Amino acid sequence: MSVIVFLLFVFLTTTTTGTVTASTLLPSCKAKCGDVDIPYPFGIGDGCYAKEYGDFRINCWGNSAAFLSDSVYEIVDISVTGELRIKGSTGFDCYDRSGERTYYFPSVNLSNLPFTFSHTRNKFVVIGCDTNAYIWDQYDTRYSGGCMSYCESLDSFKGMPNGSSCSGLGCCDVSIPRGIKSYITGITTYYSYKYSMDFNHCGFIFLAQQGQYTFSVSDLNSTRLELQTRPIVLDWSIGGQTCEEAKKNRTVPYACRSDNSECIESNNAVGYLCNCSKGYQGNPYLPRGCQGMIKTPHCFD
């Protein structure tokens, strides 16, 4: 009897998992680009993404790399629950002993796309010993922030283990506010690394998912940081209305299409999101997209 119940459970679980996977995209639409799953309302090609709610178009370059619409921002992964991660680059500002300077300051502009930078999941990180850096949203919120990291001797780090927090000694970080859709960055220096040239002659900056970087003193004398990318978390949402407004709107269809779905307000105060109701999983943006979850049956001897 126990064997029969176990086999029935395996069959039902496999069937349900297959149904949920199939219900995350429209029929005849491409499900993946390289290693990135593409759930609706995102899609590759006409008719496969929800253009009535914004530009959720995915450009699949060479069938191996996914990009947001026609942008240069490469996607790491997409969650149907309202998050998406892109690859973010590292900025640098370096000086040699003659005062020659090389630099690169990253910027990202999502103003025409339905995304904002997550204010709860990202940090702006600054690394260096003569480094004053800023991040600025020049279009929407007009936010400007940043921090300064300073040190003149490696003796300052004695007793400090690798993995220490970015407290201002060699590294600092700062949160960003809600609602930012674009940013530019920059670095200034007070002494062109004159007093730290023996062990640090560069400043490094990046916006990245919190927890993706752990400070190490050896990074101060490294050039590998400028070659690294780290994921940036974006929040995405549907339209610019609240749940109640979207339900009453007769012009644009209500996006929560599955019978077993519910509307929730966006985490970033723009638009709304859809979730499968408790006990269901899948894609709430598609008819019959939320399927019931199979519970493990109890076996009795």
Protein backbone atom coordinates (compact mmCIF):
# COMPACT_ATOMS: atom_id res chain seq x y z
CA MET A 1 0.00 0.00 0.00
CA SER A 2 2.82 2.40 0.91
CA VAL A 3 4.56 1.73 -2.42
CA ILE A 4 1.39 2.52 -4.39
CA VAL A 5 0.86 5.80 -2.53
CA PHE A 6 4.50 6.77 -3.12
CA LEU A 7 4.30 6.06 -6.87
CA LEU A 8 1.04 8.03 -7.14
CA PHE A 9 2.72 10.98 -5.34
CA VAL A 10 5.71 10.93 -7.72
CA PHE A 11 3.39 10.87 -10.77
CA LEU A 12 1.23 13.75 -9.52
CA THR A 13 4.23 15.83 -8.48
CA THR A 14 5.91 15.38 -11.88
CA THR A 15 2.70 16.21 -13.72
CA THR A 16 2.08 19.33 -11.65
CA THR A 17 5.66 20.58 -12.04
CA GLY A 18 5.42 20.21 -15.82
CA THR A 19 2.11 22.09 -15.89
CA VAL A 20 3.47 24.98 -13.84
CA THR A 21 6.54 25.31 -16.07
CA ALA A 22 4.42 25.31 -19.21
CA SER A 23 2.08 27.92 -17.77
CA THR A 24 4.76 30.59 -17.35
CA LEU A 25 4.81 31.66 -21.01
CA LEU A 26 2.53 31.99 -24.03
CA PRO A 27 2.21 29.05 -26.42
CA SER A 28 4.65 29.13 -29.37
CA CYS A 29 6.90 31.68 -27.60
CA LYS A 30 10.52 31.07 -26.76
CA ALA A 31 10.96 29.98 -23.14
CA LYS A 32 14.68 30.68 -22.71
CA CYS A 33 17.55 32.78 -24.00
CA GLY A 34 20.80 31.09 -23.10
CA ASP A 35 20.48 30.28 -19.39
CA VAL A 36 17.79 32.91 -18.74
CA ASP A 37 14.14 31.82 -18.38
CA ILE A 38 11.72 34.28 -20.03
CA PRO A 39 8.35 34.32 -18.19
CA TYR A 40 5.38 36.37 -19.48
CA PRO A 41 4.80 39.40 -19.41
CA PHE A 42 8.36 39.33 -20.79
CA GLY A 43 8.87 37.78 -24.19
CA ILE A 44 11.02 37.47 -27.29
CA GLY A 45 9.41 38.69 -30.51
CA ASP A 46 6.10 40.28 -31.44
CA GLY A 47 3.06 38.83 -29.70
CA CYS A 48 5.13 37.22 -26.95
CA TYR A 49 5.39 40.11 -24.49
CA ALA A 50 2.77 42.35 -22.86
CA LYS A 51 3.40 45.60 -24.70
CA GLU A 52 0.12 47.09 -23.40
CA TYR A 53 1.77 47.36 -19.95
CA GLY A 54 5.21 48.64 -20.99
CA ASP A 55 8.29 47.54 -22.86
CA PHE A 56 8.80 43.98 -21.61
CA ARG A 57 10.53 42.99 -24.84
CA ILE A 58 13.64 40.81 -24.57
CA ASN A 59 16.34 40.85 -27.21
CA CYS A 60 17.99 37.43 -27.41
CA TRP A 61 21.41 38.04 -28.95
CA GLY A 62 22.90 35.01 -30.65
CA ASN A 63 20.49 32.76 -28.72
CA SER A 64 22.90 33.04 -25.80
CA ALA A 65 22.53 36.44 -24.07
CA ALA A 66 19.30 38.25 -23.08
CA PHE A 67 19.05 42.06 -23.08
CA LEU A 68 16.35 44.50 -21.97
CA SER A 69 14.54 45.66 -25.12
CA ASP A 70 17.05 47.41 -27.42
CA SER A 71 19.38 48.36 -24.58
CA VAL A 72 22.91 47.21 -23.73
CA TYR A 73 21.83 45.89 -20.31
CA GLU A 74 22.36 42.15 -20.13
CA ILE A 75 19.93 40.13 -18.01
CA VAL A 76 21.09 37.69 -15.34
CA ASP A 77 17.64 36.33 -14.43
CA ILE A 78 13.95 37.28 -14.27
CA SER A 79 11.48 36.52 -11.48
CA VAL A 80 7.74 36.54 -12.10
CA THR A 81 7.35 37.98 -8.58
CA GLY A 82 8.62 41.43 -9.66
CA GLU A 83 12.41 41.32 -9.70
CA LEU A 84 14.94 41.20 -12.50
CA ARG A 85 18.74 41.30 -12.32
CA ILE A 86 21.11 42.83 -14.87
CA LYS A 87 24.89 42.83 -15.07
CA GLY A 88 26.42 45.98 -13.61
CA SER A 89 29.94 47.20 -14.36
CA THR A 90 32.62 48.53 -12.01
CA GLY A 91 33.88 52.10 -12.30
CA PHE A 92 37.46 53.11 -11.55
CA ASP A 93 39.67 56.15 -11.18
CA CYS A 94 43.42 55.37 -11.22
CA TYR A 95 46.61 57.47 -10.98
CA ASP A 96 50.27 56.64 -11.54
CA ARG A 97 53.23 58.31 -9.82
CA SER A 98 53.47 60.98 -12.51
CA GLY A 99 49.83 61.95 -11.95
CA GLU A 100 48.56 60.36 -15.18
CA ARG A 101 44.90 59.43 -14.81
CA THR A 102 42.71 56.70 -16.30
CA TYR A 103 39.04 56.41 -15.39
CA TYR A 104 35.63 55.00 -16.24
CA PHE A 105 32.37 55.94 -14.50
CA PRO A 106 29.36 53.65 -15.14
CA SER A 107 25.84 54.92 -15.76
CA VAL A 108 22.48 53.26 -16.44
CA ASN A 109 19.32 54.81 -17.88
CA LEU A 110 16.00 52.93 -17.60
CA SER A 111 13.75 55.98 -17.98
CA ASN A 112 11.79 54.54 -20.93
CA LEU A 113 11.47 51.05 -19.43
CA PRO A 114 9.14 49.70 -16.68
CA PHE A 115 11.94 49.20 -14.14
CA THR A 116 13.37 50.94 -11.09
CA PHE A 117 16.48 50.13 -9.08
CA SER A 118 15.58 48.23 -5.93
CA HIS A 119 16.09 50.48 -2.90
CA THR A 120 16.04 47.50 -0.52
CA ARG A 121 18.29 45.08 -2.39
CA ASN A 122 21.13 47.25 -3.78
CA LYS A 123 24.06 49.16 -2.31
CA PHE A 124 26.37 51.76 -3.84
CA VAL A 125 29.90 50.61 -2.91
CA VAL A 126 33.09 52.71 -2.88
CA ILE A 127 36.57 51.17 -2.47
CA GLY A 128 39.84 53.10 -2.09
CA CYS A 129 42.06 55.13 0.23
CA ASP A 130 41.59 58.60 -1.27
CA THR A 131 38.18 58.13 -2.82
CA ASN A 132 35.14 60.38 -2.70
CA ALA A 133 32.38 59.02 -4.95
CA TYR A 134 28.80 59.92 -5.81
CA ILE A 135 25.74 58.46 -7.51
CA TRP A 136 23.20 60.82 -9.03
CA ASP A 137 19.74 60.45 -10.58
CA GLN A 138 19.64 63.49 -12.84
CA TYR A 139 16.21 62.88 -14.44
CA ASP A 140 13.54 61.62 -12.04
CA THR A 141 14.13 61.88 -8.28
CA ARG A 142 17.10 64.28 -8.60
CA TYR A 143 18.72 62.25 -5.83
CA SER A 144 22.45 62.68 -5.20
CA GLY A 145 24.37 60.63 -2.66
CA GLY A 146 27.62 58.84 -2.03
CA CYS A 147 30.37 58.35 0.52
CA MET A 148 34.10 58.81 1.16
CA SER A 149 36.74 56.19 1.92
CA TYR A 150 40.17 57.27 3.18
CA CYS A 151 43.37 55.72 4.60
CA GLU A 152 47.11 56.48 4.43
CA SER A 153 48.76 53.33 5.76
CA LEU A 154 48.21 49.60 5.79
CA ASP A 155 48.83 49.78 9.53
CA SER A 156 45.29 51.09 9.80
CA PHE A 157 44.01 47.64 8.82
CA LYS A 158 45.99 45.63 11.40
CA GLY A 159 43.68 43.28 13.19
CA MET A 160 40.90 43.85 10.67
CA PRO A 161 39.83 40.51 9.15
CA ASN A 162 38.89 40.14 5.51
CA GLY A 163 35.14 40.25 5.18
CA SER A 164 34.79 43.32 7.37
CA SER A 165 31.96 45.73 6.69
CA CYS A 166 32.44 48.81 4.52
CA SER A 167 32.66 51.32 7.37
CA GLY A 168 34.74 54.02 5.66
CA LEU A 169 38.21 52.59 6.14
CA GLY A 170 39.16 51.41 2.65
CA CYS A 171 35.54 50.83 1.76
CA CYS A 172 32.16 52.48 2.30
CA ASP A 173 28.64 51.85 1.05
CA VAL A 174 25.31 53.65 0.97
CA SER A 175 21.70 52.74 0.23
CA ILE A 176 19.72 54.39 -2.55
CA PRO A 177 16.18 55.81 -2.23
CA ARG A 178 12.96 54.48 -3.73
CA GLY A 179 12.01 55.28 -7.31
CA ILE A 180 15.35 55.74 -9.09
CA LYS A 181 15.22 54.81 -12.80
CA SER A 182 18.61 56.12 -13.94
CA TYR A 183 21.94 57.12 -12.49
CA ILE A 184 25.37 58.47 -13.30
CA THR A 185 28.43 58.06 -11.09
CA GLY A 186 31.71 59.82 -10.49
CA ILE A 187 34.86 59.80 -8.36
CA THR A 188 36.96 62.64 -6.99
CA THR A 189 40.21 62.42 -5.03
CA TYR A 190 41.90 64.87 -2.65
CA TYR A 191 45.56 63.97 -3.14
CA SER A 192 45.57 61.77 -6.29
CA TYR A 193 46.50 58.81 -4.03
CA LYS A 194 49.85 60.46 -3.19
CA TYR A 195 49.85 59.15 0.40
CA SER A 196 48.67 55.64 -0.44
CA MET A 197 50.43 55.08 -3.78
CA ASP A 198 52.48 52.14 -2.47
CA PHE A 199 49.40 50.04 -1.75
CA ASN A 200 46.45 51.83 -3.39
CA HIS A 201 46.34 54.09 -6.44
CA CYS A 202 42.77 53.47 -7.64
CA GLY A 203 39.25 54.07 -6.46
CA PHE A 204 36.47 51.64 -7.45
CA ILE A 205 32.69 52.09 -7.47
CA PHE A 206 29.65 50.02 -8.36
CA LEU A 207 25.95 49.69 -7.67
CA ALA A 208 25.22 46.04 -6.93
CA GLN A 209 22.95 43.62 -5.14
CA GLN A 210 23.59 43.78 -1.41
CA GLY A 211 25.85 40.92 -0.28
CA GLN A 212 27.58 40.52 -3.64
CA TYR A 213 30.79 42.14 -2.42
CA THR A 214 32.89 41.42 0.68
CA PHE A 215 35.72 43.84 1.43
CA SER A 216 39.29 42.54 1.43
CA VAL A 217 42.37 44.68 2.10
CA SER A 218 44.07 43.02 -0.88
CA ASP A 219 41.47 44.67 -3.15
CA LEU A 220 43.12 48.03 -2.50
CA ASN A 221 46.15 46.94 -4.54
CA SER A 222 44.22 45.11 -7.21
CA THR A 223 43.30 45.90 -10.80
CA ARG A 224 40.98 42.91 -11.16
CA LEU A 225 38.05 44.80 -9.64
CA GLU A 226 37.63 46.99 -12.71
CA LEU A 227 37.05 43.88 -14.84
CA GLN A 228 34.32 42.43 -12.65
CA THR A 229 30.56 42.62 -13.10
CA ARG A 230 28.00 42.20 -10.33
CA PRO A 231 24.22 41.87 -10.51
CA ILE A 232 22.00 44.91 -9.99
CA VAL A 233 18.46 44.20 -8.78
CA LEU A 234 15.62 45.92 -10.64
CA ASP A 235 12.00 46.07 -9.52
CA TRP A 236 9.45 45.77 -12.32
CA SER A 237 5.73 46.36 -12.22
CA ILE A 238 2.62 46.72 -14.37
CA GLY A 239 1.61 50.20 -15.56
CA GLY A 240 1.36 53.21 -13.29
CA GLN A 241 -1.87 52.46 -11.43
CA THR A 242 -2.78 51.01 -8.05
CA CYS A 243 -4.59 47.68 -7.82
CA GLU A 244 -7.99 49.33 -7.37
CA GLU A 245 -7.44 51.71 -10.28
CA ALA A 246 -6.30 48.85 -12.54
CA LYS A 247 -9.40 46.77 -11.75
CA LYS A 248 -11.69 49.67 -12.77
CA ASN A 249 -9.73 50.63 -15.89
CA ARG A 250 -11.70 49.91 -19.08
CA THR A 251 -8.92 50.97 -21.47
CA VAL A 252 -6.07 48.65 -20.45
CA PRO A 253 -6.92 45.03 -19.49
CA TYR A 254 -6.37 44.01 -15.89
CA ALA A 255 -3.06 42.10 -15.81
CA CYS A 256 -3.89 39.46 -13.15
CA ARG A 257 -5.50 37.02 -15.57
CA SER A 258 -5.34 33.72 -13.74
CA ASP A 259 -8.46 32.81 -11.77
CA ASN A 260 -6.26 31.91 -8.80
CA SER A 261 -4.34 35.17 -8.60
CA GLU A 262 -4.41 38.40 -6.60
CA CYS A 263 -3.14 41.95 -7.03
CA ILE A 264 -0.49 43.54 -4.79
CA GLU A 265 0.99 47.01 -4.78
CA SER A 266 4.47 47.43 -6.22
CA ASN A 267 7.39 47.50 -3.79
CA ASN A 268 8.76 50.61 -5.51
CA ALA A 269 5.52 52.65 -5.41
CA VAL A 270 4.95 52.47 -9.17
CA GLY A 271 2.20 50.28 -10.66
CA TYR A 272 1.11 46.90 -9.36
CA LEU A 273 2.05 43.21 -9.43
CA CYS A 274 0.16 39.92 -9.52
CA ASN A 275 0.71 36.90 -7.29
CA CYS A 276 -0.72 33.42 -7.36
CA SER A 277 -3.12 32.92 -4.47
CA LYS A 278 -2.08 30.87 -1.45
CA GLY A 279 -1.85 27.21 -2.39
CA TYR A 280 -1.12 27.94 -6.06
CA GLN A 281 2.03 28.54 -8.09
CA GLY A 282 2.91 29.53 -11.64
CA ASN A 283 2.36 32.69 -13.65
CA PRO A 284 -0.57 34.91 -12.56
CA TYR A 285 -0.33 37.00 -15.76
CA LEU A 286 -1.66 34.16 -17.92
CA PRO A 287 -5.11 32.52 -17.99
CA ARG A 288 -4.88 29.29 -15.97
CA GLY A 289 -1.31 30.30 -15.13
CA CYS A 290 -1.63 29.57 -11.39
CA GLN A 291 -1.91 25.86 -10.71
CA GLY A 292 -2.65 24.08 -7.44
CA MET A 293 0.29 22.67 -5.52
CA ILE A 294 0.30 18.98 -4.67
CA LYS A 295 0.69 18.33 -0.96
CA THR A 296 2.67 15.34 0.22
CA PRO A 297 0.17 12.62 1.23
CA HIS A 298 0.46 11.02 4.64
CA CYS A 299 1.10 7.29 4.62
CA PHE A 300 -0.43 5.16 7.29
CA ASP A 301 0.54 1.54 7.92
